[in-house]
Amino acid sequence: MTLPGVTMSVRSRKPAQEGLPPALYVHGLGGSSQNWSALMDRLAGHVDGEALDLPGFGDSPPPDDRDFSITGCARVVIRYLDARGRGPVHLFGNSMGGAVATRVAAVRPDLVRTLTLISPALPELRPQRTAVPTGLLAVPGIVSLFARATKDWTPERRTREVLALCYGDPGRVAPEEFERAVAEFERRLELPYFWDVMARAARGIVDSYTLGGQHSLWRQAEKVLAPTLLVYGKRDQLVSFRMAHRASKTFRDSRLLTLLESGHVAMMEDPDAVARAFRDLLTDTAATAERSATPRG
C-alpha cells in the first residue's frame, strides 16, 4: 500500500468467514509481518487479520523521511488504518511494535478495540545485561563496526545468534522454519539500507526511553482505554520479565499472561497459548459490551 512518503507491504490471511472484526499485527525491531504467521493462522476464525511490514523492514522500503522513531512508526500505522478505514481494530504489537501499538492506542483510542502486547519495548531504567548489545546499535558508528566485524558470518550463524537471543529455547524451531529464516536473513542482508535501518530504529527505541511528560510511553500506557492483554516470557533476554508487574499495574484494563518457557517472541514460540488468551479477551470484551448495552431496570 502506498501513502504519501511511504510504501508498505501488508500480508493478510483469508478469514474463516465474512464479517469478522479486523485485526492488525505490528512486528518488532529486525522483524517482519512473517513473525505473526502462526498466530494469524490460529486466529483466522476470530478476526480478519493483516500484518504490516513497517517501513524499512520485511518487504517495505524505508520511508522518504527516514523517520524510524516510535512516534514515526505510530504515525504510519495510524495513517494506514485511516486510509483503509479498518478501525477500530484488535491491535497486536511485539517488542518495538508493542511500543508503537501503545502509542497508537493512547493517541487514537477510536482506532483500537483491544490491545495485545507481547514483550512490549516500554522504558526500563535498568535493562538486563543481555539487552545491552541490542541497545548499543543505537550508538553512532557501532552498527558499521559490527557489520565489519561479522562480515564473514554465514546467514546460518547470524540466524542462530538471533534465535538464541529471541527464543526461550531455540531448539523448538523446526528445521524448515530455520531454513526459511536463513533465506530471509540472507535476502535482507543484500538490501543496501539494512544496517542503516537497524541503527536508526534502535536509536528510535532508545530515544523513546528518554521522553518524559505526556510523551512518555508509560504515561501514554496509563491513557489506554482499550482492554489490554499483556504477554511476557520468563526467558526473555531483551525485555525484562520484571516489567510485567509494572505494565499490569499501568494499563488500566489489563490481564497478564506469563509463559515460563518463552522468550521475546511468544507469538512464534507458543502461538497456541497466546491465541487462547486472546480468544478469552475477545469473549470477555464481547460479554462486557453486551451487559453495557442491556437496559437496566
Protein backbone atom coordinates (compact mmCIF):
# COMPACT_ATOMS: atom_id res chain seq x y z
CA MET A 1 0.00 0.00 0.00
CA THR A 2 1.34 3.43 -0.96
CA LEU A 3 0.74 6.56 1.08
CA PRO A 4 2.47 9.93 0.63
CA GLY A 5 6.13 9.36 1.51
CA VAL A 6 5.82 5.68 2.40
CA THR A 7 5.13 2.34 0.76
CA MET A 8 4.31 -0.70 2.89
CA SER A 9 3.92 -4.38 2.27
CA VAL A 10 0.87 -5.83 4.02
CA ARG A 11 0.22 -9.54 4.47
CA SER A 12 -3.21 -10.94 5.20
CA ARG A 13 -4.77 -14.30 5.86
CA LYS A 14 -8.21 -15.03 4.50
CA PRO A 15 -10.63 -15.11 7.43
CA ALA A 16 -12.68 -18.24 8.07
CA GLN A 17 -15.87 -16.29 7.38
CA GLU A 18 -17.10 -12.89 6.32
CA GLY A 19 -17.84 -10.17 8.81
CA LEU A 20 -15.13 -10.90 11.38
CA PRO A 21 -13.69 -7.88 13.21
CA PRO A 22 -10.42 -6.52 11.80
CA ALA A 23 -7.04 -7.04 13.44
CA LEU A 24 -3.63 -5.52 12.75
CA TYR A 25 -0.27 -7.02 13.74
CA VAL A 26 2.88 -4.89 14.21
CA HIS A 27 6.31 -6.57 14.44
CA GLY A 28 9.42 -5.64 16.39
CA LEU A 29 12.96 -4.47 15.64
CA GLY A 30 14.52 -6.52 12.86
CA GLY A 31 11.29 -8.45 12.37
CA SER A 32 8.61 -8.53 9.72
CA SER A 33 4.99 -9.44 9.12
CA GLN A 34 6.09 -13.08 8.87
CA ASN A 35 6.63 -13.12 12.64
CA TRP A 36 2.84 -13.28 13.02
CA SER A 37 2.07 -16.15 10.62
CA ALA A 38 1.47 -18.81 13.28
CA LEU A 39 -0.78 -16.60 15.42
CA MET A 40 -2.68 -15.28 12.40
CA ASP A 41 -3.40 -18.86 11.40
CA ARG A 42 -4.80 -19.71 14.82
CA LEU A 43 -6.98 -16.61 14.98
CA ALA A 44 -8.33 -16.78 11.42
CA GLY A 45 -11.68 -17.97 12.77
CA HIS A 46 -11.99 -14.98 15.09
CA VAL A 47 -10.52 -11.91 13.35
CA ASP A 48 -9.81 -10.64 9.85
CA GLY A 49 -6.08 -10.13 10.25
CA GLU A 50 -3.49 -8.04 8.46
CA ALA A 51 0.21 -7.75 9.31
CA LEU A 52 2.37 -4.80 8.31
CA ASP A 53 5.98 -4.70 7.26
CA LEU A 54 6.92 -1.41 8.88
CA PRO A 55 8.86 0.93 6.57
CA GLY A 56 12.41 -0.38 6.12
CA PHE A 57 11.57 -3.91 7.31
CA GLY A 58 10.39 -7.05 5.56
CA ASP A 59 9.39 -6.14 2.02
CA SER A 60 8.79 -2.45 2.73
CA PRO A 61 11.35 0.13 1.60
CA PRO A 62 12.45 2.88 4.01
CA PRO A 63 10.19 5.93 4.32
CA ASP A 64 11.15 9.07 2.46
CA ASP A 65 11.77 10.97 5.70
CA ARG A 66 13.92 8.19 7.24
CA ASP A 67 11.95 8.55 10.47
CA PHE A 68 12.17 5.27 12.38
CA SER A 69 11.20 6.66 15.77
CA ILE A 70 8.39 5.08 17.77
CA THR A 71 6.29 8.17 17.06
CA GLY A 72 7.11 7.98 13.36
CA CYS A 73 6.10 4.32 13.18
CA ALA A 74 2.92 5.00 15.16
CA ARG A 75 2.08 7.78 12.72
CA VAL A 76 2.47 5.32 9.82
CA VAL A 77 0.16 2.79 11.50
CA ILE A 78 -2.45 5.48 12.14
CA ARG A 79 -2.24 6.72 8.56
CA TYR A 80 -2.64 3.17 7.29
CA LEU A 81 -5.72 2.50 9.43
CA ASP A 82 -7.27 5.81 8.47
CA ALA A 83 -6.62 5.18 4.78
CA ARG A 84 -8.05 1.66 4.93
CA GLY A 85 -10.98 2.60 7.11
CA ARG A 86 -10.49 -0.60 9.12
CA GLY A 87 -10.59 0.86 12.60
CA PRO A 88 -11.30 0.12 15.29
CA VAL A 89 -9.06 -2.96 15.15
CA HIS A 90 -7.76 -5.56 17.52
CA LEU A 91 -4.19 -4.25 17.63
CA PHE A 92 -1.22 -6.56 18.29
CA GLY A 93 2.38 -5.48 18.87
CA ASN A 94 5.63 -7.24 19.72
CA SER A 95 8.70 -5.55 21.20
CA MET A 96 9.23 -2.28 19.27
CA GLY A 97 5.82 -2.93 17.71
CA GLY A 98 4.40 -3.09 21.23
CA ALA A 99 5.69 0.41 21.95
CA VAL A 100 4.25 1.58 18.63
CA ALA A 101 0.87 -0.03 19.39
CA THR A 102 0.81 1.54 22.86
CA ARG A 103 1.29 4.98 21.36
CA VAL A 104 -1.40 4.38 18.74
CA ALA A 105 -3.88 3.20 21.37
CA ALA A 106 -3.15 6.22 23.58
CA VAL A 107 -3.45 8.95 20.96
CA ARG A 108 -6.15 7.38 18.78
CA PRO A 109 -8.42 5.32 21.02
CA ASP A 110 -11.05 5.34 18.28
CA LEU A 111 -8.83 3.05 16.20
CA VAL A 112 -8.30 0.30 18.81
CA ARG A 113 -10.84 -2.27 20.08
CA THR A 114 -8.39 -4.32 22.12
CA LEU A 115 -4.64 -4.18 22.58
CA THR A 116 -2.37 -7.24 22.78
CA LEU A 117 1.24 -6.53 23.70
CA ILE A 118 3.87 -9.25 23.55
CA SER A 119 7.09 -8.23 25.35
CA PRO A 120 6.47 -4.54 24.59
CA ALA A 121 9.57 -2.34 24.50
CA LEU A 122 8.49 0.03 27.23
CA PRO A 123 11.21 2.02 29.05
CA GLU A 124 13.33 0.20 31.62
CA LEU A 125 15.57 2.14 33.97
CA ARG A 126 17.89 -0.85 34.36
CA PRO A 127 17.76 -3.05 31.24
CA GLN A 128 19.05 -6.56 31.74
CA ARG A 129 22.60 -7.19 30.58
CA THR A 130 21.56 -9.44 27.70
CA ALA A 131 19.66 -6.49 26.14
CA VAL A 132 22.63 -4.08 26.23
CA PRO A 133 24.25 -5.19 22.93
CA THR A 134 20.99 -4.52 21.07
CA GLY A 135 20.74 -1.10 22.66
CA LEU A 136 24.31 -0.34 21.58
CA LEU A 137 23.16 -0.49 17.96
CA ALA A 138 21.79 2.99 18.59
CA VAL A 139 25.30 4.40 19.22
CA PRO A 140 26.63 6.16 16.11
CA GLY A 141 29.24 4.03 14.37
CA ILE A 142 28.55 0.83 16.28
CA VAL A 143 26.49 -0.73 13.50
CA SER A 144 29.28 -0.12 10.97
CA LEU A 145 31.81 -1.68 13.32
CA PHE A 146 29.55 -4.67 13.94
CA ALA A 147 28.90 -5.12 10.21
CA ARG A 148 32.64 -5.17 9.50
CA ALA A 149 33.40 -7.45 12.44
CA THR A 150 30.80 -10.01 11.34
CA LYS A 151 31.23 -9.74 7.56
CA ASP A 152 32.44 -13.35 7.41
CA TRP A 153 29.47 -14.75 9.35
CA THR A 154 27.26 -17.02 7.32
CA PRO A 155 23.49 -16.39 7.20
CA GLU A 156 23.12 -19.62 9.20
CA ARG A 157 25.29 -18.28 12.01
CA ARG A 158 23.51 -14.92 12.02
CA THR A 159 20.16 -16.68 12.23
CA ARG A 160 21.32 -18.88 15.12
CA GLU A 161 22.53 -15.81 17.02
CA VAL A 162 19.18 -14.06 16.57
CA LEU A 163 17.20 -17.15 17.59
CA ALA A 164 19.38 -17.64 20.67
CA LEU A 165 18.61 -14.07 21.70
CA CYS A 166 14.89 -14.07 20.92
CA TYR A 167 13.74 -17.60 21.79
CA GLY A 168 13.50 -19.12 25.23
CA ASP A 169 14.50 -22.42 23.64
CA PRO A 170 15.88 -22.14 20.07
CA GLY A 171 15.68 -25.92 19.84
CA ARG A 172 11.91 -25.56 19.39
CA VAL A 173 12.42 -24.05 15.93
CA ALA A 174 11.61 -26.68 13.30
CA PRO A 175 14.27 -27.30 10.61
CA GLU A 176 12.07 -25.95 7.82
CA GLU A 177 11.36 -22.79 9.83
CA PHE A 178 15.09 -22.33 10.39
CA GLU A 179 15.78 -22.65 6.68
CA ARG A 180 13.12 -20.06 5.88
CA ALA A 181 14.62 -17.71 8.45
CA VAL A 182 18.08 -18.16 6.96
CA ALA A 183 16.82 -17.40 3.45
CA GLU A 184 15.02 -14.29 4.68
CA PHE A 185 18.10 -13.10 6.59
CA GLU A 186 20.26 -13.64 3.53
CA ARG A 187 17.85 -11.65 1.36
CA ARG A 188 17.69 -8.73 3.75
CA LEU A 189 21.46 -8.56 4.20
CA GLU A 190 21.67 -7.78 0.49
CA LEU A 191 19.49 -4.69 0.89
CA PRO A 192 21.61 -1.54 0.76
CA TYR A 193 19.71 0.05 3.64
CA PHE A 194 19.64 -2.94 6.02
CA TRP A 195 22.21 -1.77 8.58
CA ASP A 196 21.15 1.87 8.42
CA VAL A 197 17.54 0.92 9.19
CA MET A 198 18.64 -1.25 12.14
CA ALA A 199 20.71 1.60 13.58
CA ARG A 200 18.01 4.24 13.14
CA ALA A 201 15.25 2.01 14.53
CA ALA A 202 17.37 1.03 17.56
CA ARG A 203 18.04 4.73 18.13
CA GLY A 204 14.31 5.35 17.95
CA ILE A 205 13.69 2.83 20.73
CA VAL A 206 16.43 4.28 22.95
CA ASP A 207 15.16 7.81 22.33
CA SER A 208 11.65 6.77 23.36
CA TYR A 209 13.07 5.64 26.71
CA THR A 210 14.23 9.19 27.44
CA LEU A 211 11.00 11.02 26.64
CA GLY A 212 9.22 12.49 29.63
CA GLY A 213 5.92 14.19 30.32
CA GLN A 214 2.94 13.40 28.15
CA HIS A 215 5.19 11.78 25.54
CA SER A 216 6.47 9.14 27.97
CA LEU A 217 5.37 5.68 26.90
CA TRP A 218 4.44 4.81 30.48
CA ARG A 219 2.34 7.98 30.73
CA GLN A 220 0.65 7.05 27.47
CA ALA A 221 0.10 3.49 28.71
CA GLU A 222 -1.94 4.99 31.56
CA LYS A 223 -4.21 6.63 29.00
CA VAL A 224 -5.01 3.48 27.03
CA LEU A 225 -8.73 2.76 27.25
CA ALA A 226 -8.80 -0.50 25.27
CA PRO A 227 -8.90 -3.82 27.14
CA THR A 228 -5.29 -4.99 27.10
CA LEU A 229 -3.65 -8.41 27.05
CA LEU A 230 -0.03 -8.39 28.23
CA VAL A 231 2.17 -11.36 27.33
CA TYR A 232 5.61 -11.81 28.87
CA GLY A 233 8.08 -14.67 28.56
CA LYS A 234 10.02 -15.69 31.65
CA ARG A 235 13.10 -16.37 29.49
CA ASP A 236 13.01 -13.05 27.64
CA GLN A 237 16.56 -11.69 27.20
CA LEU A 238 15.52 -8.37 25.67
CA VAL A 239 12.56 -7.16 27.73
CA SER A 240 12.92 -7.93 31.41
CA PHE A 241 10.23 -10.16 32.86
CA ARG A 242 10.10 -7.88 35.90
CA MET A 243 8.41 -5.26 33.71
CA ALA A 244 5.28 -7.44 33.58
CA HIS A 245 4.22 -6.32 37.05
CA ARG A 246 4.61 -2.62 36.24
CA ALA A 247 2.77 -2.99 32.95
CA SER A 248 -0.15 -4.84 34.52
CA LYS A 249 -0.49 -2.02 37.06
CA THR A 250 -0.16 0.75 34.47
CA PHE A 251 -2.63 -0.35 31.78
CA ARG A 252 -5.98 0.35 33.39
CA ASP A 253 -7.94 -2.59 31.92
CA SER A 254 -5.35 -5.32 31.58
CA ARG A 255 -4.76 -9.02 32.05
CA LEU A 256 -1.40 -10.77 32.15
CA LEU A 257 -0.26 -13.99 30.51
CA THR A 258 3.06 -15.33 31.75
CA LEU A 259 4.80 -18.02 29.70
CA LEU A 260 7.54 -19.75 31.65
CA GLU A 261 9.30 -21.36 28.68
CA SER A 262 9.03 -18.49 26.19
CA GLY A 263 11.43 -15.69 25.41
CA HIS A 264 10.90 -12.48 23.45
CA VAL A 265 8.60 -13.70 20.66
CA ALA A 266 5.86 -15.68 22.39
CA MET A 267 3.58 -15.47 19.36
CA MET A 268 6.15 -17.57 17.50
CA GLU A 269 7.22 -19.78 20.39
CA ASP A 270 3.81 -20.60 21.87
CA PRO A 271 1.14 -19.31 19.47
CA ASP A 272 -1.47 -21.66 20.94
CA ALA A 273 -1.21 -20.11 24.40
CA VAL A 274 -1.29 -16.57 23.03
CA ALA A 275 -4.28 -17.42 20.82
CA ARG A 276 -6.20 -18.90 23.76
CA ALA A 277 -5.55 -15.82 25.88
CA PHE A 278 -6.68 -13.51 23.08
CA ARG A 279 -9.84 -15.55 22.48
CA ASP A 280 -10.63 -15.23 26.20
CA LEU A 281 -10.11 -11.47 25.94
CA LEU A 282 -12.39 -11.38 22.92
CA THR A 283 -15.12 -13.33 24.70
CA ASP A 284 -14.94 -11.27 27.89
CA THR A 285 -14.90 -7.99 25.97
CA ALA A 286 -17.98 -9.01 24.00
CA ALA A 287 -19.77 -10.02 27.20
CA THR A 288 -18.93 -6.69 28.83
CA ALA A 289 -20.17 -4.77 25.80
CA GLU A 290 -23.42 -6.77 25.82
CA ARG A 291 -24.02 -6.06 29.50
CA SER A 292 -23.37 -2.35 28.93
CA ALA A 293 -25.86 -2.27 26.07
CA THR A 294 -28.61 -4.05 28.01
CA PRO A 295 -31.14 -1.58 29.51
CA ARG A 296 -31.37 -1.73 33.27
CA GLY A 297 -34.50 -1.71 35.36
